[in-house]
């Protein structure tokens, strides 16, 4: 087993989540959903392209934060 880690996935996840919390601080749940939908509808990253391909009829309303 190699213990010489050069990449910490948990540290990266925590940093990304902290960044997103800062960007969305003070937003209502609806504003957060709209912000996420806007990013998913316009970004060219693999996750956004996959989301658009899998949910073409729901492209405007992601179900983020809904149980």
N, C-alpha and C. Protein backbone atom coordinates (compact mmCIF):
# COMPACT_ATOMS: atom_id res chain seq x y z
N UNK A 1 0.85 -1.19 0.00
CA UNK A 1 0.00 0.00 0.00
C UNK A 1 0.89 1.25 0.00
N UNK A 2 0.57 2.16 -0.84
CA UNK A 2 1.34 3.38 -0.98
C UNK A 2 0.75 4.47 -0.08
N UNK A 3 1.51 4.95 0.89
CA UNK A 3 1.04 5.99 1.81
C UNK A 3 1.50 7.38 1.42
N UNK A 4 2.13 7.53 0.28
CA UNK A 4 2.62 8.83 -0.18
C UNK A 4 1.56 9.52 -1.01
N UNK A 5 0.51 10.00 -0.34
CA UNK A 5 -0.58 10.65 -1.07
C UNK A 5 -0.15 12.01 -1.60
N UNK A 6 -0.47 12.25 -2.84
CA UNK A 6 -0.22 13.57 -3.42
C UNK A 6 -1.54 14.27 -3.74
N UNK A 7 -2.64 13.54 -3.59
CA UNK A 7 -3.96 14.09 -3.90
C UNK A 7 -4.92 13.64 -2.82
N UNK A 8 -5.65 14.56 -2.23
CA UNK A 8 -6.60 14.24 -1.18
C UNK A 8 -8.00 14.58 -1.68
N UNK A 9 -8.76 13.56 -2.06
CA UNK A 9 -10.09 13.77 -2.62
C UNK A 9 -11.05 14.40 -1.61
N UNK A 10 -10.95 14.02 -0.34
CA UNK A 10 -11.83 14.60 0.68
C UNK A 10 -11.53 16.08 0.85
N UNK A 11 -10.26 16.44 0.86
CA UNK A 11 -9.88 17.85 0.97
C UNK A 11 -10.42 18.65 -0.22
N UNK A 12 -10.33 18.07 -1.41
CA UNK A 12 -10.83 18.75 -2.60
C UNK A 12 -12.35 18.91 -2.52
N UNK A 13 -13.07 17.87 -2.11
CA UNK A 13 -14.52 17.94 -1.97
C UNK A 13 -14.92 19.03 -0.98
N UNK A 14 -14.23 19.07 0.16
CA UNK A 14 -14.54 20.09 1.17
C UNK A 14 -14.28 21.50 0.64
N UNK A 15 -13.23 21.68 -0.11
CA UNK A 15 -12.92 23.00 -0.68
C UNK A 15 -13.98 23.42 -1.69
N UNK A 16 -14.42 22.49 -2.52
CA UNK A 16 -15.46 22.80 -3.53
C UNK A 16 -16.77 23.14 -2.83
N UNK A 17 -17.14 22.37 -1.81
CA UNK A 17 -18.38 22.65 -1.09
C UNK A 17 -18.32 24.01 -0.39
N UNK A 18 -17.18 24.35 0.18
CA UNK A 18 -17.04 25.65 0.84
C UNK A 18 -17.18 26.78 -0.18
N UNK A 19 -16.60 26.59 -1.35
CA UNK A 19 -16.72 27.60 -2.41
C UNK A 19 -18.18 27.79 -2.81
N UNK A 20 -18.89 26.69 -3.00
CA UNK A 20 -20.31 26.77 -3.39
C UNK A 20 -21.15 27.41 -2.29
N UNK A 21 -20.87 27.08 -1.02
CA UNK A 21 -21.61 27.72 0.07
C UNK A 21 -21.40 29.22 0.04
N UNK A 22 -20.17 29.65 -0.19
CA UNK A 22 -19.88 31.09 -0.25
C UNK A 22 -20.60 31.77 -1.40
N UNK A 23 -20.64 31.11 -2.55
CA UNK A 23 -21.30 31.69 -3.72
C UNK A 23 -22.81 31.81 -3.52
N UNK A 24 -23.37 30.91 -2.73
CA UNK A 24 -24.83 30.86 -2.58
C UNK A 24 -25.32 31.41 -1.24
N UNK A 25 -24.40 31.98 -0.48
CA UNK A 25 -24.77 32.52 0.82
C UNK A 25 -25.81 33.63 0.64
N UNK A 26 -26.87 33.57 1.39
CA UNK A 26 -27.91 34.59 1.34
C UNK A 26 -28.96 34.34 0.27
N UNK A 27 -28.79 33.30 -0.54
CA UNK A 27 -29.79 32.99 -1.57
C UNK A 27 -30.92 32.16 -0.97
N UNK A 28 -32.11 32.36 -1.49
CA UNK A 28 -33.23 31.52 -1.10
C UNK A 28 -33.09 30.17 -1.80
N UNK A 29 -33.79 29.14 -1.33
CA UNK A 29 -33.73 27.84 -2.01
C UNK A 29 -34.08 27.94 -3.50
N UNK A 30 -35.05 28.77 -3.83
CA UNK A 30 -35.43 28.93 -5.24
C UNK A 30 -34.30 29.58 -6.04
N UNK A 31 -33.64 30.57 -5.46
CA UNK A 31 -32.51 31.20 -6.13
C UNK A 31 -31.36 30.22 -6.34
N UNK A 32 -31.13 29.35 -5.37
CA UNK A 32 -30.10 28.33 -5.50
C UNK A 32 -30.45 27.39 -6.65
N UNK A 33 -31.71 26.93 -6.71
CA UNK A 33 -32.14 26.05 -7.80
C UNK A 33 -31.96 26.72 -9.16
N UNK A 34 -32.32 27.99 -9.25
CA UNK A 34 -32.15 28.71 -10.52
C UNK A 34 -30.68 28.86 -10.90
N UNK A 35 -29.85 29.13 -9.91
CA UNK A 35 -28.41 29.25 -10.15
C UNK A 35 -27.83 27.94 -10.67
N UNK A 36 -28.22 26.85 -10.05
CA UNK A 36 -27.73 25.54 -10.48
C UNK A 36 -28.26 25.22 -11.88
N UNK A 37 -29.53 25.50 -12.13
CA UNK A 37 -30.11 25.24 -13.45
C UNK A 37 -29.40 26.05 -14.52
N UNK A 38 -29.10 27.30 -14.23
CA UNK A 38 -28.39 28.15 -15.19
C UNK A 38 -27.02 27.56 -15.53
N UNK A 39 -26.31 27.12 -14.50
CA UNK A 39 -24.99 26.53 -14.73
C UNK A 39 -25.11 25.25 -15.54
N UNK A 40 -26.06 24.39 -15.17
CA UNK A 40 -26.23 23.13 -15.90
C UNK A 40 -26.66 23.36 -17.35
N UNK A 41 -27.41 24.41 -17.60
CA UNK A 41 -27.89 24.70 -18.95
C UNK A 41 -26.85 25.38 -19.82
N UNK A 42 -25.79 25.95 -19.22
CA UNK A 42 -24.83 26.70 -20.01
C UNK A 42 -23.41 26.15 -19.98
N UNK A 43 -23.06 25.40 -18.96
CA UNK A 43 -21.68 24.93 -18.83
C UNK A 43 -21.38 23.83 -19.84
N UNK A 44 -20.10 23.69 -20.16
CA UNK A 44 -19.68 22.68 -21.12
C UNK A 44 -18.88 21.56 -20.45
N UNK A 45 -19.03 21.40 -19.14
CA UNK A 45 -18.31 20.32 -18.46
C UNK A 45 -19.08 19.00 -18.65
N UNK A 46 -18.43 17.88 -18.42
CA UNK A 46 -19.07 16.58 -18.65
C UNK A 46 -20.37 16.38 -17.86
N UNK A 47 -20.41 16.81 -16.60
CA UNK A 47 -21.61 16.62 -15.80
C UNK A 47 -22.79 17.40 -16.38
N UNK A 48 -22.56 18.64 -16.79
CA UNK A 48 -23.63 19.45 -17.35
C UNK A 48 -24.14 18.86 -18.66
N UNK A 49 -23.23 18.40 -19.52
CA UNK A 49 -23.66 17.78 -20.78
C UNK A 49 -24.46 16.53 -20.51
N UNK A 50 -24.04 15.71 -19.54
CA UNK A 50 -24.78 14.49 -19.20
C UNK A 50 -26.16 14.84 -18.66
N UNK A 51 -26.25 15.82 -17.78
CA UNK A 51 -27.52 16.21 -17.20
C UNK A 51 -28.49 16.67 -18.29
N UNK A 52 -27.99 17.47 -19.24
CA UNK A 52 -28.85 17.93 -20.33
C UNK A 52 -29.31 16.77 -21.20
N UNK A 53 -28.43 15.82 -21.44
CA UNK A 53 -28.79 14.68 -22.28
C UNK A 53 -29.82 13.78 -21.59
N UNK A 54 -29.70 13.62 -20.27
CA UNK A 54 -30.60 12.72 -19.55
C UNK A 54 -31.92 13.36 -19.17
N UNK A 55 -31.98 14.69 -19.11
CA UNK A 55 -33.21 15.37 -18.68
C UNK A 55 -33.59 16.49 -19.63
N UNK A 56 -33.74 16.22 -20.92
CA UNK A 56 -34.04 17.32 -21.85
C UNK A 56 -35.37 18.00 -21.58
N UNK A 57 -36.36 17.26 -21.06
CA UNK A 57 -37.67 17.86 -20.79
C UNK A 57 -37.69 18.63 -19.48
N UNK A 58 -36.67 18.47 -18.62
CA UNK A 58 -36.62 19.17 -17.34
C UNK A 58 -35.43 20.11 -17.28
N UNK A 59 -34.92 20.55 -18.38
CA UNK A 59 -33.68 21.33 -18.42
C UNK A 59 -33.76 22.63 -17.63
N UNK A 60 -34.94 23.12 -17.36
CA UNK A 60 -35.06 24.40 -16.66
C UNK A 60 -35.22 24.24 -15.15
N UNK A 61 -35.56 23.05 -14.65
CA UNK A 61 -35.86 22.89 -13.23
C UNK A 61 -35.17 21.68 -12.62
N UNK A 62 -33.93 21.77 -12.20
CA UNK A 62 -33.31 20.64 -11.53
C UNK A 62 -33.95 20.45 -10.16
N UNK A 63 -34.04 19.22 -9.71
CA UNK A 63 -34.66 18.95 -8.41
C UNK A 63 -33.60 18.88 -7.33
N UNK A 64 -32.92 19.99 -7.12
CA UNK A 64 -31.85 20.06 -6.14
C UNK A 64 -32.44 20.38 -4.78
N UNK A 65 -32.06 19.60 -3.79
CA UNK A 65 -32.50 19.88 -2.43
C UNK A 65 -33.92 19.47 -2.12
N UNK A 66 -34.56 18.78 -3.01
CA UNK A 66 -35.93 18.33 -2.75
C UNK A 66 -35.90 16.85 -2.42
N UNK A 67 -36.61 16.48 -1.38
CA UNK A 67 -36.63 15.08 -0.96
C UNK A 67 -37.71 14.29 -1.68
